[in-house]
Amino acid sequence: MSLYTRFTAHLDTVLDILEADGVLPAGLNRKPVTVEPPRDASHGDLATNAAMVLAKPAGTNPRALAEAIVGKLEGLAEVESASIAGPGFINLALTDATWRSELSVMAEEGDDYGRSDIGQGVTVNVEYVSANPTGPMHMGHCRGAVVGDALATLLEYAGHKVIREYYINDAGGQVDVLARSVHLRYAQALGEDVGEIPEGLYPGDYLVPVGQALAAEYGDRFLKAPEADWLVKFRSFAVAKMMDMIRADLALLGIHHDIFASEAELQAAGKPDEAEAWLRAHDLVYDGVLEAPKGELPDDWEPVVLPLFRSTKFGDDQDRPIKKSNGSWTYFGADMAYHYQKAQSADQLIDIWGADHAGTVKRIQAAVAALTEGKARFDVKLIQMVRLLRDGEPVKMSKRAGNFVTLADVVREVGKDVVRFTMLTRKADAQMDFDFAKVVEASKDNPVFYVQYAHARISSLGRRAEEAGIELPAPDLSLLGTAELGLVKLAAQFPRVVEGAALTREPHRIAFYLNDLASAFHGWWNMGNDDPRARVILADDPAVTSSRLFLSRGIGQIIRNGLALMGVAALTELN
């Protein structure tokens, strides 16, 4: 139980007592009550809004209620003092012994410090990447891949059961284009002069080995054959090869999915028909005519009766067709069925989408609300684009890939950890620049370096103490002063940060926090530059050295735990 959770429990006990004494009525909603650090550190260590949010429903004065609460909290052994600010906010100052004890808890719990059970075992399906299987991963996919993977890890750490899923869009026209592109490379492998790749086909050289593999398997059997004879075979073969390539690219980032769901298999299994039948049985699909487009009508527009989903009933702007006039499924119709399938095995769904899909969010949210009868929480996280730069200039595209920079090339140049950490240094819905020069820069302006440097510094301390021949006694934490306890207070916020990031589904909060913690640690370390007695390693004072080493290792543990949530290794030394 973290310090913040413990004090929330203390406060609950106080409120129970006040209910029993008749100061508060029974049954008040306590969900709005918070226990958190005050905005101004000079006000104390913890603050609660309990009196402010409970006074009105209790029919009492906030300050009077605050006085009653303070009277009880002051009696806790961990509380140095309790005070009331303004109309009824309560500030608590904790004893130094409380913070020293929390540092010991960090050491005892190790990798589990910060782990939470707020998820209560609820199953969450996180679907991310889901790139079309038409080529290698590019940097347009990278940010969503990292955000989705870090979010999945974060939710597991916070007590959820997580399913990591990738949806293979292998039923649309783009995979027919892929098959035709591969047929061209197949002909090339058989000695045909294919010339320039025609407009509309995939031009990347990554399809050359796929064509060679087909030539080795089939010889010239399909060289002059009509498309109907080879399209399905070539499509299946090419998609399988592309998915092998995509899995390998994702593995470079340390990303592995539990499930790869196929759109083609979904449709072949009749899942869209099942979803439509369920919706019709609940009067949520009807046959109707779409409203005419606003403005001047196109020449080929005509009113057509289509099966329409009542998405306006769930907050969408208009009802949506689930089939086209030729009877095939619309993208929305197939996507709706896919979410229906996911909801069979998960309590909550999260989709990680590119920001270019923002226009379709309302309709799929409406579909999930309908198909789960409002029981499944469903979030769509929109990921903004990443602009690739080198020393401030746009990066040239890759000829091998066709028209983009591959994820594999970027990871091989700067490393998995740099890529993953950088992708989490901004909110997902904010655009980002990825400058090859800056992300490997050894400066405090580069959060990747700054956090890794803090951990490497901490890792060096044990070696330095050993080299100095200092015989270390058991740490005496009473030797830690105000500056050191300030670090402990920041480190102790980690469990609270984890829970907040999990509840809001915002893994970037971990990166922000680690940067703050690293900054505080570097600031404490640098005190030794001005005052030699403030250094961690004091050859003539083993007791102080031992206590400061213990503190440093605690900070290092928190940095490791946070980096692990981001999928980033904690370096013990920098090159």
Protein backbone atom coordinates (compact mmCIF):
# COMPACT_ATOMS: atom_id res chain seq x y z
CA MET A 1 0.00 0.00 0.00
CA SER A 2 1.52 3.32 -1.08
CA LEU A 3 1.77 6.28 1.26
CA TYR A 4 -1.01 8.10 -0.61
CA THR A 5 -3.27 5.04 -0.51
CA ARG A 6 -2.53 4.65 3.18
CA PHE A 7 -3.52 8.23 3.95
CA THR A 8 -6.66 7.88 1.86
CA ALA A 9 -7.52 4.94 4.13
CA HIS A 10 -6.71 7.04 7.22
CA LEU A 11 -9.04 9.75 5.93
CA ASP A 12 -11.79 7.20 5.25
CA THR A 13 -11.49 6.00 8.84
CA VAL A 14 -11.80 9.59 10.12
CA LEU A 15 -14.90 10.14 7.97
CA ASP A 16 -16.39 6.87 9.28
CA ILE A 17 -15.89 8.14 12.84
CA LEU A 18 -17.50 11.48 11.99
CA GLU A 19 -20.47 9.59 10.53
CA ALA A 20 -20.77 7.49 13.68
CA ASP A 21 -20.62 10.67 15.80
CA GLY A 22 -23.39 12.28 13.71
CA VAL A 23 -21.13 15.03 12.35
CA LEU A 24 -21.64 13.66 8.84
CA PRO A 25 -24.73 11.89 7.47
CA ALA A 26 -24.27 8.30 6.33
CA GLY A 27 -23.96 7.38 2.67
CA LEU A 28 -22.15 10.45 1.32
CA ASN A 29 -20.39 9.98 -2.03
CA ARG A 30 -16.67 10.07 -1.23
CA LYS A 31 -15.41 9.58 -4.79
CA PRO A 32 -14.60 13.29 -5.27
CA VAL A 33 -12.38 13.24 -2.15
CA THR A 34 -8.66 13.38 -3.01
CA VAL A 35 -5.37 13.06 -1.15
CA GLU A 36 -2.49 14.57 -3.13
CA PRO A 37 0.57 16.79 -2.82
CA PRO A 38 -0.34 20.47 -2.34
CA ARG A 39 0.39 22.74 -5.30
CA ASP A 40 2.72 24.77 -3.10
CA ALA A 41 5.23 22.55 -1.28
CA SER A 42 5.51 25.13 1.49
CA HIS A 43 1.95 24.23 2.54
CA GLY A 44 2.99 20.72 3.61
CA ASP A 45 3.31 17.20 2.28
CA LEU A 46 -0.29 16.17 1.63
CA ALA A 47 -3.53 18.01 0.98
CA THR A 48 -7.16 16.89 0.94
CA ASN A 49 -10.32 18.54 -0.36
CA ALA A 50 -12.55 16.36 1.86
CA ALA A 51 -14.20 19.22 3.74
CA MET A 52 -14.75 21.24 0.55
CA VAL A 53 -16.54 18.50 -1.38
CA LEU A 54 -18.48 16.91 1.51
CA ALA A 55 -19.71 20.03 3.31
CA LYS A 56 -22.50 20.95 0.90
CA PRO A 57 -24.13 17.48 0.67
CA ALA A 58 -23.68 17.20 4.45
CA GLY A 59 -25.40 20.54 4.96
CA THR A 60 -22.55 22.00 6.98
CA ASN A 61 -19.87 24.69 6.77
CA PRO A 62 -16.63 23.58 4.97
CA ARG A 63 -14.34 25.17 7.53
CA ALA A 64 -16.25 23.70 10.46
CA LEU A 65 -16.05 20.26 8.84
CA ALA A 66 -12.35 20.80 8.15
CA GLU A 67 -11.76 21.53 11.85
CA ALA A 68 -13.48 18.27 12.80
CA ILE A 69 -11.37 16.31 10.30
CA VAL A 70 -8.13 18.02 11.36
CA GLY A 71 -8.86 17.21 14.97
CA LYS A 72 -8.82 13.51 14.12
CA LEU A 73 -5.89 13.55 11.66
CA GLU A 74 -3.63 15.35 14.14
CA GLY A 75 -3.73 12.28 16.31
CA LEU A 76 -2.00 10.08 13.70
CA ALA A 77 1.57 9.14 14.59
CA GLU A 78 2.71 9.92 11.02
CA VAL A 79 1.35 13.48 11.09
CA GLU A 80 3.60 16.28 12.31
CA SER A 81 0.90 18.93 11.91
CA ALA A 82 -2.44 19.55 10.22
CA SER A 83 -3.77 22.95 9.16
CA ILE A 84 -6.69 24.52 7.33
CA ALA A 85 -6.16 26.80 4.35
CA GLY A 86 -8.72 29.17 2.86
CA PRO A 87 -12.35 28.10 3.12
CA GLY A 88 -11.59 24.51 4.10
CA PHE A 89 -8.63 22.83 2.38
CA ILE A 90 -6.63 20.64 4.74
CA ASN A 91 -2.82 20.46 4.60
CA LEU A 92 -0.75 17.83 6.39
CA ALA A 93 2.94 17.87 7.24
CA LEU A 94 4.29 14.36 7.86
CA THR A 95 7.07 13.43 10.24
CA ASP A 96 10.57 12.85 8.90
CA ALA A 97 10.33 9.31 10.23
CA THR A 98 7.39 8.68 7.90
CA TRP A 99 9.46 9.59 4.85
CA ARG A 100 12.45 7.55 6.03
CA SER A 101 10.11 4.61 6.47
CA GLU A 102 8.79 5.07 2.94
CA LEU A 103 12.34 4.94 1.58
CA SER A 104 12.73 1.57 3.29
CA VAL A 105 9.47 0.41 1.68
CA MET A 106 10.90 1.30 -1.75
CA ALA A 107 13.89 -0.92 -1.05
CA GLU A 108 11.75 -3.77 0.27
CA GLU A 109 9.24 -3.76 -2.58
CA GLY A 110 11.83 -3.18 -5.31
CA ASP A 111 10.38 -3.81 -8.77
CA ASP A 112 6.87 -3.94 -7.27
CA TYR A 113 7.01 -0.47 -5.73
CA GLY A 114 4.27 1.40 -7.57
CA ARG A 115 2.36 -1.70 -8.62
CA SER A 116 -1.38 -1.25 -8.05
CA ASP A 117 -4.58 -3.29 -7.91
CA ILE A 118 -6.91 -0.52 -9.08
CA GLY A 119 -7.59 -2.54 -12.24
CA GLN A 120 -9.16 -5.26 -10.09
CA GLY A 121 -8.42 -7.88 -12.74
CA VAL A 122 -10.66 -6.20 -15.34
CA THR A 123 -9.75 -7.40 -18.85
CA VAL A 124 -8.76 -4.64 -21.27
CA ASN A 125 -8.19 -5.22 -24.97
CA VAL A 126 -5.62 -2.76 -26.32
CA GLU A 127 -5.53 -2.75 -30.11
CA TYR A 128 -2.58 -0.88 -31.58
CA VAL A 129 -0.49 -0.57 -34.73
CA SER A 130 -2.92 -2.48 -37.03
CA ALA A 131 -1.08 -1.17 -40.09
CA ASN A 132 -2.15 -2.39 -43.52
CA PRO A 133 -0.09 -5.49 -44.38
CA THR A 134 1.39 -3.93 -47.51
CA GLY A 135 4.97 -3.22 -46.47
CA PRO A 136 7.45 -2.68 -43.65
CA MET A 137 6.63 -0.51 -40.66
CA HIS A 138 7.39 3.16 -41.11
CA MET A 139 7.74 6.01 -38.63
CA GLY A 140 4.11 6.92 -39.11
CA HIS A 141 3.30 3.68 -37.28
CA CYS A 142 6.00 4.00 -34.63
CA ARG A 143 4.41 6.42 -32.21
CA GLY A 144 1.11 4.55 -31.97
CA ALA A 145 3.01 1.29 -31.54
CA VAL A 146 5.01 2.65 -28.60
CA VAL A 147 2.05 4.41 -26.96
CA GLY A 148 -0.12 1.30 -27.26
CA ASP A 149 2.56 -1.02 -25.93
CA ALA A 150 3.47 1.25 -23.01
CA LEU A 151 -0.21 1.68 -22.17
CA ALA A 152 -0.73 -2.08 -22.16
CA THR A 153 2.24 -2.55 -19.79
CA LEU A 154 1.03 0.29 -17.58
CA LEU A 155 -2.47 -1.21 -17.29
CA GLU A 156 -1.02 -4.61 -16.38
CA TYR A 157 1.10 -2.98 -13.67
CA ALA A 158 -2.02 -1.27 -12.37
CA GLY A 159 -3.87 -4.56 -11.94
CA HIS A 160 -5.66 -5.14 -15.25
CA LYS A 161 -5.57 -8.25 -17.37
CA VAL A 162 -4.47 -7.02 -20.79
CA ILE A 163 -4.91 -8.43 -24.29
CA ARG A 164 -2.54 -6.90 -26.86
CA GLU A 165 -4.16 -7.13 -30.28
CA TYR A 166 -3.26 -6.29 -33.89
CA TYR A 167 -6.01 -6.12 -36.52
CA ILE A 168 -4.82 -7.22 -39.96
CA ASN A 169 -6.69 -5.28 -42.64
CA ASP A 170 -6.41 -8.06 -45.23
CA ALA A 171 -9.84 -7.84 -46.85
CA GLY A 172 -9.74 -4.49 -48.63
CA GLY A 173 -8.65 -3.30 -52.04
CA GLN A 174 -5.16 -2.48 -50.79
CA VAL A 175 -4.25 -6.18 -50.51
CA ASP A 176 -5.36 -6.77 -54.11
CA VAL A 177 -2.98 -3.97 -55.09
CA LEU A 178 -0.30 -5.73 -53.03
CA ALA A 179 -0.94 -8.99 -54.93
CA ARG A 180 -0.61 -7.20 -58.30
CA SER A 181 2.58 -5.49 -57.12
CA VAL A 182 4.00 -8.86 -56.08
CA HIS A 183 3.01 -10.40 -59.42
CA LEU A 184 5.14 -7.75 -61.11
CA ARG A 185 8.11 -8.70 -58.91
CA TYR A 186 7.37 -12.37 -59.65
CA ALA A 187 7.65 -11.63 -63.37
CA GLN A 188 10.85 -9.72 -62.71
CA ALA A 189 12.30 -12.71 -60.85
CA LEU A 190 11.56 -14.84 -63.91
CA GLY A 191 13.63 -12.51 -66.11
CA GLU A 192 10.91 -10.18 -67.40
CA ASP A 193 11.80 -6.50 -67.88
CA VAL A 194 9.13 -4.77 -65.79
CA GLY A 195 10.49 -1.25 -66.30
CA GLU A 196 9.22 1.49 -63.99
CA ILE A 197 6.70 0.38 -61.39
CA PRO A 198 3.30 1.58 -62.68
CA GLU A 199 1.43 4.26 -60.77
CA GLY A 200 -0.93 2.74 -58.22
CA LEU A 201 1.25 -0.25 -57.35
CA TYR A 202 3.62 -0.52 -54.38
CA PRO A 203 7.10 0.40 -55.66
CA GLY A 204 9.32 -0.64 -52.71
CA ASP A 205 12.23 -3.02 -53.26
CA TYR A 206 11.06 -4.97 -50.19
CA LEU A 207 8.72 -6.86 -52.55
CA VAL A 208 11.60 -8.21 -54.66
CA PRO A 209 12.32 -11.22 -52.37
CA VAL A 210 8.59 -11.96 -52.21
CA GLY A 211 8.48 -12.19 -56.00
CA GLN A 212 11.58 -14.38 -55.98
CA ALA A 213 10.00 -16.73 -53.44
CA LEU A 214 6.89 -17.05 -55.63
CA ALA A 215 9.03 -17.74 -58.68
CA ALA A 216 10.86 -20.47 -56.79
CA GLU A 217 7.57 -22.06 -55.71
CA TYR A 218 5.51 -21.79 -58.90
CA GLY A 219 8.00 -21.32 -61.71
CA ASP A 220 6.37 -19.56 -64.70
CA ARG A 221 2.96 -21.16 -64.07
CA PHE A 222 1.25 -17.80 -63.39
CA LEU A 223 3.44 -15.58 -65.57
CA LYS A 224 0.91 -15.19 -68.40
CA ALA A 225 -2.11 -16.55 -66.53
CA PRO A 226 -5.22 -14.39 -66.07
CA GLU A 227 -5.43 -12.48 -62.79
CA ALA A 228 -8.32 -14.61 -61.53
CA ASP A 229 -5.99 -17.64 -61.47
CA TRP A 230 -3.34 -16.13 -59.18
CA LEU A 231 -4.81 -13.15 -57.32
CA VAL A 232 -6.03 -15.01 -54.20
CA LYS A 233 -2.87 -17.16 -53.97
CA PHE A 234 -0.54 -14.21 -54.39
CA ARG A 235 -2.55 -12.09 -51.99
CA SER A 236 -2.40 -14.68 -49.20
CA PHE A 237 1.28 -15.33 -49.80
CA ALA A 238 2.18 -11.64 -49.85
CA VAL A 239 0.15 -10.79 -46.74
CA ALA A 240 1.86 -13.61 -44.82
CA LYS A 241 5.29 -12.33 -45.87
CA MET A 242 4.39 -8.75 -45.00
CA MET A 243 3.15 -9.80 -41.57
CA ASP A 244 6.44 -11.65 -40.98
CA MET A 245 8.22 -8.41 -41.84
CA ILE A 246 5.93 -6.34 -39.60
CA ARG A 247 6.40 -8.70 -36.65
CA ALA A 248 10.17 -8.48 -37.10
CA ASP A 249 10.04 -4.68 -37.25
CA LEU A 250 7.91 -4.51 -34.11
CA ALA A 251 10.27 -6.91 -32.34
CA LEU A 252 13.06 -4.38 -32.88
CA LEU A 253 10.99 -2.08 -30.64
CA GLY A 254 10.36 -4.85 -28.13
CA ILE A 255 6.70 -5.09 -29.16
CA HIS A 256 4.86 -8.41 -29.29
CA HIS A 257 1.09 -8.88 -29.63
CA ASP A 258 -1.02 -11.64 -28.10
CA ILE A 259 -3.51 -11.78 -30.97
CA PHE A 260 -3.34 -11.03 -34.69
CA ALA A 261 -6.96 -10.83 -35.84
CA SER A 262 -7.65 -11.12 -39.58
CA GLU A 263 -10.35 -9.02 -41.21
CA ALA A 264 -10.66 -11.61 -43.99
CA GLU A 265 -11.16 -14.42 -41.47
CA LEU A 266 -13.65 -12.27 -39.56
CA GLN A 267 -15.78 -11.85 -42.67
CA ALA A 268 -15.40 -15.48 -43.73
CA ALA A 269 -16.67 -16.54 -40.29
CA GLY A 270 -19.80 -14.44 -40.75
CA LYS A 271 -19.09 -12.12 -37.82
CA PRO A 272 -20.51 -9.02 -39.57
CA ASP A 273 -23.73 -10.93 -40.25
CA GLU A 274 -23.92 -11.89 -36.56
CA ALA A 275 -23.47 -8.28 -35.52
CA GLU A 276 -26.13 -7.11 -37.99
CA ALA A 277 -28.57 -9.77 -36.79
CA TRP A 278 -28.05 -8.73 -33.17
CA LEU A 279 -28.58 -5.08 -34.01
CA ARG A 280 -31.72 -5.79 -36.05
CA ALA A 281 -33.11 -7.86 -33.19
CA HIS A 282 -32.67 -4.79 -30.98
CA ASP A 283 -34.12 -2.38 -33.59
CA LEU A 284 -30.74 -0.71 -34.05
CA VAL A 285 -30.43 -1.39 -37.80
CA TYR A 286 -33.09 -0.47 -40.33
CA ASP A 287 -33.31 -0.27 -44.12
CA GLY A 288 -33.39 3.33 -45.23
CA VAL A 289 -32.03 5.97 -47.57
CA LEU A 290 -29.14 8.23 -46.62
CA GLU A 291 -29.71 11.95 -46.72
CA ALA A 292 -28.46 13.61 -49.90
CA PRO A 293 -25.00 15.19 -49.62
CA LYS A 294 -25.10 18.87 -48.72
CA GLY A 295 -24.49 21.33 -51.53
CA GLU A 296 -24.54 20.43 -55.23
CA LEU A 297 -25.36 16.77 -55.83
CA PRO A 298 -22.80 14.69 -57.75
CA ASP A 299 -24.03 13.45 -61.15
CA ASP A 300 -23.90 9.81 -60.10
CA TRP A 301 -25.77 10.25 -56.83
CA GLU A 302 -29.06 8.42 -56.45
CA PRO A 303 -31.06 7.47 -53.37
CA VAL A 304 -30.37 3.82 -52.51
CA VAL A 305 -31.94 1.75 -49.75
CA LEU A 306 -29.17 0.53 -47.42
CA PRO A 307 -29.02 -1.11 -43.99
CA LEU A 308 -28.38 1.81 -41.62
CA PHE A 309 -27.17 1.63 -38.04
CA ARG A 310 -28.99 4.00 -35.65
CA SER A 311 -25.77 5.69 -34.54
CA THR A 312 -27.57 8.99 -33.86
CA LYS A 313 -29.20 7.22 -30.91
CA PHE A 314 -25.71 7.04 -29.35
CA GLY A 315 -24.45 10.55 -30.05
CA ASP A 316 -23.30 10.34 -33.68
CA ASP A 317 -24.17 13.01 -36.25
CA GLN A 318 -26.06 10.70 -38.61
CA ASP A 319 -27.05 7.07 -39.04
CA ARG A 320 -24.37 5.03 -40.81
CA PRO A 321 -24.59 2.42 -43.59
CA ILE A 322 -23.09 -0.96 -42.74
CA LYS A 323 -23.26 -2.27 -46.31
CA LYS A 324 -22.67 -0.80 -49.75
CA SER A 325 -25.20 -0.87 -52.56
CA ASN A 326 -23.46 -3.96 -54.01
CA GLY A 327 -24.03 -5.85 -50.78
CA SER A 328 -20.43 -5.81 -49.57
CA TRP A 329 -19.62 -4.52 -46.12
CA THR A 330 -18.63 -0.92 -45.61
CA TYR A 331 -15.42 -0.32 -43.68
CA PHE A 332 -17.60 0.72 -40.75
CA GLY A 333 -19.74 -2.42 -41.00
CA ALA A 334 -16.68 -4.67 -40.85
CA ASP A 335 -15.06 -2.60 -38.11
CA MET A 336 -18.26 -2.72 -36.07
CA ALA A 337 -18.27 -6.52 -36.25
CA TYR A 338 -14.61 -6.63 -35.26
CA HIS A 339 -15.29 -4.61 -32.11
CA TYR A 340 -18.26 -6.85 -31.37
CA GLN A 341 -15.87 -9.81 -31.51
CA LYS A 342 -13.31 -8.11 -29.24
CA ALA A 343 -15.97 -7.27 -26.68
CA GLN A 344 -16.77 -10.99 -26.26
CA SER A 345 -13.51 -11.51 -24.39
CA ALA A 346 -12.83 -8.12 -22.77
CA ASP A 347 -14.56 -5.79 -20.33
CA GLN A 348 -12.95 -2.67 -21.80
CA LEU A 349 -11.62 -1.77 -25.24
CA ILE A 350 -8.93 0.72 -26.23
CA ASP A 351 -8.05 1.57 -29.83
CA ILE A 352 -4.86 3.43 -30.74
CA TRP A 353 -5.52 5.28 -33.99
CA GLY A 354 -3.76 7.82 -36.13
CA ALA A 355 -5.21 11.32 -35.88
CA ASP A 356 -6.36 11.05 -39.53
CA HIS A 357 -9.10 8.68 -38.30
CA ALA A 358 -10.63 11.29 -35.98
CA GLY A 359 -13.73 11.60 -38.18
CA THR A 360 -14.75 7.99 -37.56
CA VAL A 361 -14.47 7.99 -33.77
CA LYS A 362 -18.09 8.92 -33.02
CA ARG A 363 -19.59 6.19 -35.17
CA ILE A 364 -17.44 3.37 -33.77
CA GLN A 365 -18.06 4.60 -30.22
CA ALA A 366 -21.78 4.49 -31.02
CA ALA A 367 -21.45 0.94 -32.38
CA VAL A 368 -19.59 -0.31 -29.30
CA ALA A 369 -22.10 1.36 -26.97
CA ALA A 370 -24.92 -0.39 -28.85
CA LEU A 371 -23.33 -3.82 -29.18
CA THR A 372 -22.22 -3.98 -25.54
CA GLU A 373 -25.40 -2.30 -24.26
CA GLY A 374 -23.20 0.37 -22.71
CA LYS A 375 -21.37 -2.11 -20.48
CA ALA A 376 -17.89 -1.86 -22.02
CA ARG A 377 -15.74 1.19 -21.50
CA PHE A 378 -14.31 2.12 -24.89
CA ASP A 379 -11.57 4.68 -25.48
CA VAL A 380 -10.01 5.79 -28.74
CA LYS A 381 -6.56 7.35 -28.37
CA LEU A 382 -5.64 9.52 -31.34
CA ILE A 383 -1.94 9.73 -32.14
CA GLN A 384 -0.56 12.76 -33.94
CA MET A 385 2.07 12.53 -36.65
CA VAL A 386 5.84 12.51 -36.11
CA ARG A 387 8.02 14.74 -38.27
CA LEU A 388 11.47 13.27 -38.91
CA LEU A 389 14.36 15.72 -38.93
CA ARG A 390 18.14 15.61 -39.06
CA ASP A 391 19.74 18.74 -37.59
CA GLY A 392 16.46 20.54 -38.16
CA GLU A 393 16.06 19.50 -41.81
CA PRO A 394 13.42 17.03 -43.07
CA VAL A 395 14.79 13.51 -43.54
CA LYS A 396 14.89 12.17 -47.09
CA MET A 397 12.62 9.27 -47.90
CA SER A 398 13.86 5.72 -48.40
CA LYS A 399 14.11 4.36 -51.95
CA ARG A 400 14.09 0.78 -50.67
CA ALA A 401 10.82 1.34 -48.83
CA GLY A 402 9.24 3.18 -51.73
CA ASN A 403 8.29 6.54 -50.23
CA PHE A 404 8.88 6.48 -46.48
CA VAL A 405 11.48 6.06 -43.75
CA THR A 406 11.32 2.61 -42.19
CA LEU A 407 11.00 2.05 -38.48
CA ALA A 408 13.77 -0.56 -38.67
CA ASP A 409 16.25 1.95 -40.11
CA VAL A 410 15.49 4.44 -37.34
CA VAL A 411 15.78 1.87 -34.55
CA ARG A 412 19.06 0.57 -35.94
CA GLU A 413 20.48 4.08 -36.04
CA VAL A 414 19.52 5.44 -32.61
CA GLY A 415 18.42 2.34 -30.67
CA LYS A 416 15.15 0.95 -29.33
CA ASP A 417 15.31 2.77 -26.00
CA VAL A 418 15.83 6.19 -27.55
CA VAL A 419 12.92 5.67 -29.94
CA ARG A 420 10.55 4.40 -27.25
CA PHE A 421 11.38 7.05 -24.68
CA THR A 422 11.20 9.88 -27.23
CA MET A 423 7.76 8.77 -28.44
CA LEU A 424 6.46 9.20 -24.87
CA THR A 425 7.93 12.65 -24.21
CA ARG A 426 4.83 14.44 -25.47
CA LYS A 427 1.11 13.88 -25.12
CA ALA A 428 -0.07 11.52 -27.84
CA ASP A 429 -2.46 14.09 -29.34
CA ALA A 430 0.33 16.70 -29.77
CA GLN A 431 2.50 16.71 -32.88
CA MET A 432 6.12 15.74 -32.40
CA ASP A 433 9.48 16.36 -34.04
CA PHE A 434 11.98 13.49 -33.97
CA ASP A 435 15.39 14.95 -34.72
CA PHE A 436 18.07 12.28 -35.11
CA ALA A 437 20.71 14.65 -33.75
CA LYS A 438 18.77 15.83 -30.71
CA VAL A 439 17.46 12.45 -29.50
CA VAL A 440 21.02 11.20 -28.94
CA GLU A 441 22.39 14.51 -27.66
CA ALA A 442 24.12 14.30 -24.27
CA SER A 443 22.42 17.27 -22.62
CA LYS A 444 19.84 18.02 -19.97
CA ASP A 445 17.52 19.22 -22.74
CA ASN A 446 17.28 15.62 -23.97
CA PRO A 447 15.05 13.74 -21.48
CA VAL A 448 16.20 10.35 -22.79
CA PHE A 449 19.80 11.13 -21.89
CA TYR A 450 18.89 13.02 -18.72
CA VAL A 451 16.99 10.12 -17.14
CA GLN A 452 19.45 7.46 -18.30
CA TYR A 453 22.34 9.59 -17.00
CA ALA A 454 20.70 9.78 -13.56
CA HIS A 455 20.47 5.99 -13.39
CA ALA A 456 24.02 5.54 -14.66
CA ARG A 457 25.28 7.99 -12.02
CA ILE A 458 23.49 6.05 -9.30
CA SER A 459 24.89 2.77 -10.61
CA SER A 460 28.42 4.19 -10.45
CA LEU A 461 28.18 5.06 -6.74
CA GLY A 462 28.50 1.52 -5.42
CA ARG A 463 31.57 0.95 -7.59
CA ARG A 464 33.12 4.21 -6.42
CA ALA A 465 32.56 3.38 -2.74
CA GLU A 466 34.15 -0.02 -3.29
CA GLU A 467 37.11 1.50 -5.13
CA ALA A 468 37.58 3.95 -2.25
CA GLY A 469 37.78 1.00 0.14
CA ILE A 470 34.99 2.31 2.38
CA GLU A 471 33.57 -0.26 4.77
CA LEU A 472 29.89 0.58 4.86
CA PRO A 473 27.80 0.08 8.01
CA ALA A 474 24.05 -0.56 7.89
CA PRO A 475 22.37 2.62 6.66
CA ASP A 476 21.23 5.01 9.38
CA LEU A 477 18.39 6.92 7.71
CA SER A 478 18.25 9.47 10.55
CA LEU A 479 21.37 10.96 8.91
CA LEU A 480 19.33 12.03 5.88
CA GLY A 481 18.60 15.73 5.99
CA THR A 482 16.03 18.06 4.42
CA ALA A 483 17.48 17.92 0.90
CA GLU A 484 17.55 14.11 0.94
CA LEU A 485 14.01 13.81 2.30
CA GLY A 486 12.86 16.13 -0.47
CA LEU A 487 14.02 13.50 -2.94
CA VAL A 488 12.19 10.78 -1.01
CA LYS A 489 8.97 12.80 -1.13
CA LEU A 490 9.18 13.07 -4.93
CA ALA A 491 10.07 9.39 -5.31
CA ALA A 492 7.11 8.43 -3.11
CA GLN A 493 4.75 9.99 -5.66
CA PHE A 494 5.54 7.23 -8.15
CA PRO A 495 2.64 4.89 -7.15
CA ARG A 496 0.23 7.82 -7.40
CA VAL A 497 1.62 8.76 -10.84
CA VAL A 498 1.18 5.16 -12.02
CA GLU A 499 -2.46 5.08 -10.92
CA GLY A 500 -3.18 8.47 -12.48
CA ALA A 501 -1.57 7.44 -15.78
CA ALA A 502 -3.52 4.16 -15.82
CA LEU A 503 -6.86 5.82 -15.01
CA THR A 504 -6.42 8.46 -17.73
CA ARG A 505 -4.74 6.01 -20.17
CA GLU A 506 -1.81 8.43 -20.58
CA PRO A 507 1.56 6.63 -20.44
CA HIS A 508 3.44 9.86 -21.23
CA ARG A 509 2.87 10.86 -17.59
CA ILE A 510 5.52 8.31 -16.61
CA ALA A 511 8.10 9.99 -18.87
CA PHE A 512 7.23 13.44 -17.50
CA TYR A 513 7.57 12.21 -13.92
CA LEU A 514 10.90 10.47 -14.56
CA ASN A 515 12.28 13.67 -16.05
CA ASP A 516 11.25 15.57 -12.89
CA LEU A 517 12.78 12.90 -10.65
CA ALA A 518 16.02 12.84 -12.64
CA SER A 519 16.20 16.63 -12.51
CA ALA A 520 15.78 16.60 -8.73
CA PHE A 521 18.44 13.90 -8.36
CA HIS A 522 20.93 15.76 -10.56
CA GLY A 523 20.26 18.92 -8.55
CA TRP A 524 21.00 17.08 -5.30
CA TRP A 525 24.13 15.50 -6.81
CA ASN A 526 25.40 18.88 -8.03
CA MET A 527 25.24 20.29 -4.48
CA GLY A 528 28.46 18.35 -3.97
CA ASN A 529 30.19 20.52 -6.57
CA ASP A 530 29.84 23.54 -4.29
CA ASP A 531 30.08 21.76 -0.94
CA PRO A 532 32.29 18.65 -0.77
CA ARG A 533 30.48 17.54 2.42
CA ALA A 534 27.27 17.26 0.39
CA ARG A 535 28.71 14.53 -1.83
CA VAL A 536 27.38 11.01 -1.69
CA ILE A 537 30.74 9.32 -1.22
CA LEU A 538 32.62 10.63 1.84
CA ALA A 539 35.72 8.53 2.47
CA ASP A 540 36.00 9.83 6.02
CA ASP A 541 32.32 9.29 6.91
CA PRO A 542 31.13 5.75 6.13
CA ALA A 543 27.84 6.24 8.04
CA VAL A 544 26.70 9.22 5.94
CA THR A 545 27.98 7.52 2.79
CA SER A 546 25.91 4.44 3.57
CA SER A 547 22.73 6.43 4.19
CA ARG A 548 23.15 8.47 0.98
CA LEU A 549 23.90 5.36 -1.03
CA PHE A 550 20.71 3.81 0.30
CA LEU A 551 18.76 6.88 -0.79
CA SER A 552 20.41 6.89 -4.23
CA ARG A 553 19.56 3.24 -4.76
CA GLY A 554 15.96 3.99 -3.86
CA ILE A 555 15.83 6.72 -6.51
CA GLY A 556 17.48 4.32 -8.96
CA GLN A 557 14.79 1.72 -8.21
CA ILE A 558 12.02 4.19 -9.03
CA ILE A 559 13.74 5.18 -12.28
CA ARG A 560 14.08 1.49 -13.25
CA ASN A 561 10.44 0.83 -12.44
CA GLY A 562 9.30 3.79 -14.52
CA LEU A 563 11.56 2.92 -17.46
CA ALA A 564 10.30 -0.68 -17.37
CA LEU A 565 6.74 0.62 -17.84
CA MET A 566 7.97 2.48 -20.92
CA GLY A 567 9.77 -0.59 -22.26
CA VAL A 568 13.14 1.13 -21.85
CA ALA A 569 16.25 -0.43 -20.31
CA ALA A 570 17.93 1.35 -17.37
CA LEU A 571 21.58 1.86 -18.35
CA THR A 572 24.28 1.35 -15.74
CA GLU A 573 26.84 3.35 -17.70
CA LEU A 574 26.82 5.64 -20.70
CA ASN A 575 29.18 5.33 -23.64
